[in-house]
């Protein structure tokens, strides 16, 4: 009888562990949200300027790159950028000439340009599917595993007004970003991330576009426990 009681207790404990694991299980899926971008599947070394021959059985990764109208739209606002950035540098002479200050200047002096640059930045919507309990996003961990710069223009600033704007470090490494706007949901929820590059060329006010290879980890709190879910490695032109 005692043996049966001990076995039953162990079995009950085992099912409790399984249930706790299931309750904290969180899955993720994501897709393009806005901007003129497209998604393809490519080898890890490929980007928008280098097209290696795919080997049989080679693992492919999701790649988000500009659509066919992206370059046309970029060229249409390039002259606008030159005039605006020249005025910005004259007014900010002796002060910090950086992406954030330029964004604020553009917002105050050329709303069309400011909005257009936001449209050119890629945005991805992440959907989270969990148990019927509350999840609170605590931080976003960005791991940059690679960066290849292209020739030509790109986004000029980091304007921090999307739901979550992410500034990617072109030198690689990992950044853990504290979340100011706490995503909170029961069971399932979503967050949109818009991506920018910190590869800022102060002389021209542009971040030449480049291909980032990244992995994103979302850190949640649920029932006083940490729950982490990762995007997995993907590539994106920013």
Protein backbone atom coordinates (compact mmCIF):
# COMPACT_ATOMS: atom_id res chain seq x y z
CA UNK A 1 0.00 0.00 0.00
CA UNK A 2 2.84 2.34 0.91
CA UNK A 3 4.58 1.49 -2.35
CA UNK A 4 1.41 2.34 -4.28
CA UNK A 5 1.08 5.63 -2.39
CA UNK A 6 4.69 6.61 -3.20
CA UNK A 7 4.23 5.69 -6.85
CA UNK A 8 1.01 7.69 -7.06
CA UNK A 9 2.72 10.72 -5.49
CA UNK A 10 5.59 10.52 -7.97
CA UNK A 11 3.15 10.18 -10.87
CA UNK A 12 1.13 13.16 -9.63
CA UNK A 13 4.32 15.23 -9.30
CA UNK A 14 5.35 14.24 -12.83
CA UNK A 15 2.01 15.37 -14.30
CA UNK A 16 2.23 18.65 -12.36
CA UNK A 17 5.61 19.29 -13.92
CA UNK A 18 4.23 18.54 -17.38
CA UNK A 19 1.27 20.83 -16.77
CA UNK A 20 3.50 23.69 -15.56
CA UNK A 21 5.71 23.25 -18.61
CA UNK A 22 2.71 23.29 -20.94
CA UNK A 23 1.25 26.37 -19.27
CA UNK A 24 4.49 28.30 -19.75
CA UNK A 25 5.05 27.04 -23.27
CA UNK A 26 5.04 29.94 -25.71
CA UNK A 27 5.40 29.68 -29.46
CA UNK A 28 6.11 32.37 -32.01
CA UNK A 29 5.41 33.10 -35.66
CA UNK A 30 6.13 36.22 -37.65
CA UNK A 31 5.69 37.89 -41.03
CA UNK A 32 6.23 41.23 -42.75
CA UNK A 33 3.95 43.93 -41.44
CA UNK A 34 4.58 47.12 -43.42
CA UNK A 35 6.81 48.75 -45.99
CA UNK A 36 7.75 47.67 -49.50
CA UNK A 37 9.53 44.44 -48.58
CA UNK A 38 9.36 40.81 -49.68
CA UNK A 39 10.31 37.47 -48.13
CA UNK A 40 12.43 34.73 -49.72
CA UNK A 41 14.41 31.68 -48.59
CA UNK A 42 18.20 31.92 -49.03
CA UNK A 43 21.49 30.29 -47.92
CA UNK A 44 23.10 31.97 -44.92
CA UNK A 45 25.82 33.66 -47.03
CA UNK A 46 23.40 35.19 -49.55
CA UNK A 47 22.25 38.81 -49.51
CA UNK A 48 20.93 41.29 -52.04
CA UNK A 49 24.35 41.67 -53.67
CA UNK A 50 25.82 38.18 -53.40
CA UNK A 51 24.10 35.11 -54.83
CA UNK A 52 26.03 31.90 -54.14
CA UNK A 53 24.86 28.70 -55.77
CA UNK A 54 22.61 26.76 -53.42
CA UNK A 55 24.03 23.38 -52.49
CA UNK A 56 21.84 20.31 -52.35
CA UNK A 57 20.41 19.87 -48.87
CA UNK A 58 21.76 23.25 -47.72
CA UNK A 59 19.75 24.91 -44.95
CA UNK A 60 17.84 27.99 -46.08
CA UNK A 61 16.86 30.99 -43.99
CA UNK A 62 14.09 33.54 -44.16
CA UNK A 63 15.30 36.74 -45.84
CA UNK A 64 13.40 40.03 -45.81
CA UNK A 65 14.56 42.41 -48.53
CA UNK A 66 13.22 45.52 -50.32
CA UNK A 67 10.56 45.17 -52.99
CA UNK A 68 10.88 46.55 -56.51
CA UNK A 69 9.38 49.96 -55.65
CA UNK A 70 11.66 50.57 -52.66
CA UNK A 71 14.59 51.94 -54.66
CA UNK A 72 12.31 54.14 -56.77
CA UNK A 73 10.71 55.64 -53.70
CA UNK A 74 14.14 56.12 -52.06
CA UNK A 75 15.47 58.03 -55.06
CA UNK A 76 12.42 60.29 -55.06
CA UNK A 77 13.17 61.57 -51.58
CA UNK A 78 16.97 61.64 -51.88
CA UNK A 79 17.03 65.30 -53.03
CA UNK A 80 14.69 66.17 -50.18
CA UNK A 81 17.12 64.46 -47.83
CA UNK A 82 20.13 66.41 -49.09
CA UNK A 83 18.46 69.78 -48.55
CA UNK A 84 17.04 68.85 -45.15
CA UNK A 85 20.27 67.35 -43.84
CA UNK A 86 22.31 70.36 -44.97
CA UNK A 87 19.99 72.69 -43.03
CA UNK A 88 20.10 70.35 -40.04
CA UNK A 89 23.91 70.36 -39.93
CA UNK A 90 24.01 74.15 -40.18
CA UNK A 91 21.61 74.56 -37.27
CA UNK A 92 23.25 71.84 -35.17
CA UNK A 93 26.78 73.09 -35.73
CA UNK A 94 28.82 72.34 -32.62
CA UNK A 95 26.12 70.02 -31.26
CA UNK A 96 25.46 66.31 -31.58
CA UNK A 97 24.88 65.47 -35.24
CA UNK A 98 23.31 62.05 -34.80
CA UNK A 99 20.37 59.93 -35.90
CA UNK A 100 18.04 60.86 -33.06
CA UNK A 101 18.53 64.61 -33.39
CA UNK A 102 18.12 64.39 -37.15
CA UNK A 103 14.87 62.46 -36.68
CA UNK A 104 13.51 65.14 -34.37
CA UNK A 105 14.58 67.85 -36.79
CA UNK A 106 12.94 66.09 -39.74
CA UNK A 107 9.73 65.60 -37.76
CA UNK A 108 9.52 69.35 -37.07
CA UNK A 109 10.63 70.61 -40.48
CA UNK A 110 9.51 68.08 -43.11
CA UNK A 111 6.68 65.78 -42.05
CA UNK A 112 6.47 64.18 -45.51
CA UNK A 113 10.13 63.15 -45.42
CA UNK A 114 9.79 61.92 -41.84
CA UNK A 115 6.81 59.75 -42.71
CA UNK A 116 8.46 58.46 -45.89
CA UNK A 117 11.55 57.31 -44.03
CA UNK A 118 9.34 55.43 -41.60
CA UNK A 119 7.68 53.69 -44.54
CA UNK A 120 11.06 52.63 -45.96
CA UNK A 121 12.06 50.92 -42.70
CA UNK A 122 11.14 47.21 -42.58
CA UNK A 123 8.58 46.14 -39.98
CA UNK A 124 7.80 42.61 -38.82
CA UNK A 125 4.80 41.51 -36.78
CA UNK A 126 5.48 38.81 -34.20
CA UNK A 127 2.56 36.71 -32.95
CA UNK A 128 2.87 34.87 -29.64
CA UNK A 129 0.68 31.85 -28.81
CA UNK A 130 0.66 30.57 -25.25
CA UNK A 131 -1.60 29.17 -22.56
CA UNK A 132 -4.68 30.90 -21.13
CA UNK A 133 -2.68 32.99 -18.70
CA UNK A 134 -1.06 36.41 -18.61
CA UNK A 135 2.28 37.12 -20.24
CA UNK A 136 4.16 40.39 -19.80
CA UNK A 137 7.04 41.29 -22.12
CA UNK A 138 10.04 42.24 -19.99
CA UNK A 139 12.84 42.72 -22.53
CA UNK A 140 13.90 42.09 -26.13
CA UNK A 141 17.29 40.53 -26.80
CA UNK A 142 18.83 41.25 -30.20
CA UNK A 143 21.72 39.08 -31.35
CA UNK A 144 23.46 40.32 -34.51
CA UNK A 145 25.43 37.46 -36.06
CA UNK A 146 26.49 39.21 -39.25
CA UNK A 147 26.34 42.44 -41.27
CA UNK A 148 27.26 43.14 -44.89
CA UNK A 149 27.03 46.71 -46.13
CA UNK A 150 25.78 47.56 -49.63
CA UNK A 151 26.69 50.61 -51.68
CA UNK A 152 24.08 53.32 -51.95
CA UNK A 153 21.61 55.05 -49.68
CA UNK A 154 19.45 53.92 -46.83
CA UNK A 155 17.56 55.16 -43.83
CA UNK A 156 18.83 58.37 -42.30
CA UNK A 157 17.66 58.17 -38.72
CA UNK A 158 16.16 56.25 -35.83
CA UNK A 159 12.82 57.81 -34.96
CA UNK A 160 11.52 55.55 -32.17
CA UNK A 161 7.79 55.98 -32.76
CA UNK A 162 6.64 52.54 -33.93
CA UNK A 163 5.35 50.08 -31.36
CA UNK A 164 8.92 48.83 -30.87
CA UNK A 165 11.72 50.46 -32.86
CA UNK A 166 14.89 48.38 -32.90
CA UNK A 167 18.31 49.92 -33.63
CA UNK A 168 20.57 47.14 -34.95
CA UNK A 169 24.33 47.29 -34.15
CA UNK A 170 26.21 46.86 -37.41
CA UNK A 171 29.38 45.76 -35.58
CA UNK A 172 27.59 42.70 -34.26
CA UNK A 173 27.02 41.52 -30.72
CA UNK A 174 24.03 41.20 -28.42
CA UNK A 175 21.84 43.95 -26.99
CA UNK A 176 19.16 43.49 -24.36
CA UNK A 177 16.57 46.23 -24.67
CA UNK A 178 14.40 47.13 -21.72
CA UNK A 179 10.76 47.48 -22.77
CA UNK A 180 9.16 50.81 -21.95
CA UNK A 181 5.77 49.94 -23.41
CA UNK A 182 4.92 46.66 -21.70
CA UNK A 183 3.18 44.21 -24.00
CA UNK A 184 0.65 42.34 -21.86
CA UNK A 185 -1.75 39.64 -23.02
CA UNK A 186 -3.68 36.57 -21.96
CA UNK A 187 -3.10 33.46 -24.05
CA UNK A 188 -1.92 35.17 -27.21
CA UNK A 189 -0.72 38.56 -28.36
CA UNK A 190 1.41 40.33 -30.92
CA UNK A 191 4.07 43.01 -31.25
CA UNK A 192 5.39 44.85 -34.29
CA UNK A 193 9.11 45.61 -34.52
CA UNK A 194 10.49 48.15 -36.96
CA UNK A 195 14.20 47.91 -37.74
CA UNK A 196 16.84 50.59 -38.20
CA UNK A 197 20.63 50.50 -38.61
CA UNK A 198 23.17 52.30 -36.44
CA UNK A 199 25.65 52.38 -39.37
CA UNK A 200 25.27 56.17 -39.56
CA UNK A 201 27.51 58.20 -41.89
CA UNK A 202 27.53 61.65 -40.30
CA UNK A 203 28.87 63.44 -43.39
CA UNK A 204 25.90 62.51 -45.58
CA UNK A 205 23.30 61.68 -42.93
CA UNK A 206 22.62 58.21 -44.33
CA UNK A 207 22.94 54.65 -43.10
CA UNK A 208 23.98 52.70 -46.19
CA UNK A 209 21.74 49.68 -46.45
CA UNK A 210 23.17 46.39 -45.30
CA UNK A 211 22.10 42.81 -44.68
CA UNK A 212 21.78 41.81 -41.03
CA UNK A 213 21.76 38.21 -39.83
CA UNK A 214 19.96 38.21 -36.50
CA UNK A 215 18.15 36.21 -33.85
CA UNK A 216 15.63 37.81 -31.51
CA UNK A 217 14.67 36.52 -28.07
CA UNK A 218 11.59 37.83 -26.31
CA UNK A 219 11.75 37.62 -22.52
CA UNK A 220 8.37 37.36 -20.79
CA UNK A 221 7.22 37.05 -17.20
CA UNK A 222 4.33 34.69 -16.48
CA UNK A 223 3.28 33.41 -13.04
CA UNK A 224 6.49 34.89 -11.61
CA UNK A 225 8.52 32.76 -14.02
CA UNK A 226 10.70 33.78 -16.92
CA UNK A 227 9.53 32.57 -20.32
CA UNK A 228 11.80 33.05 -23.35
CA UNK A 229 10.84 32.53 -26.98
CA UNK A 230 13.18 33.06 -29.95
CA UNK A 231 12.59 33.97 -33.59
CA UNK A 232 15.39 31.76 -34.83
CA UNK A 233 18.03 33.04 -37.23
CA UNK A 234 16.82 35.19 -40.13
CA UNK A 235 18.24 37.81 -42.48
CA UNK A 236 16.96 41.31 -43.15
CA UNK A 237 18.04 44.29 -45.25
CA UNK A 238 18.03 47.52 -43.24
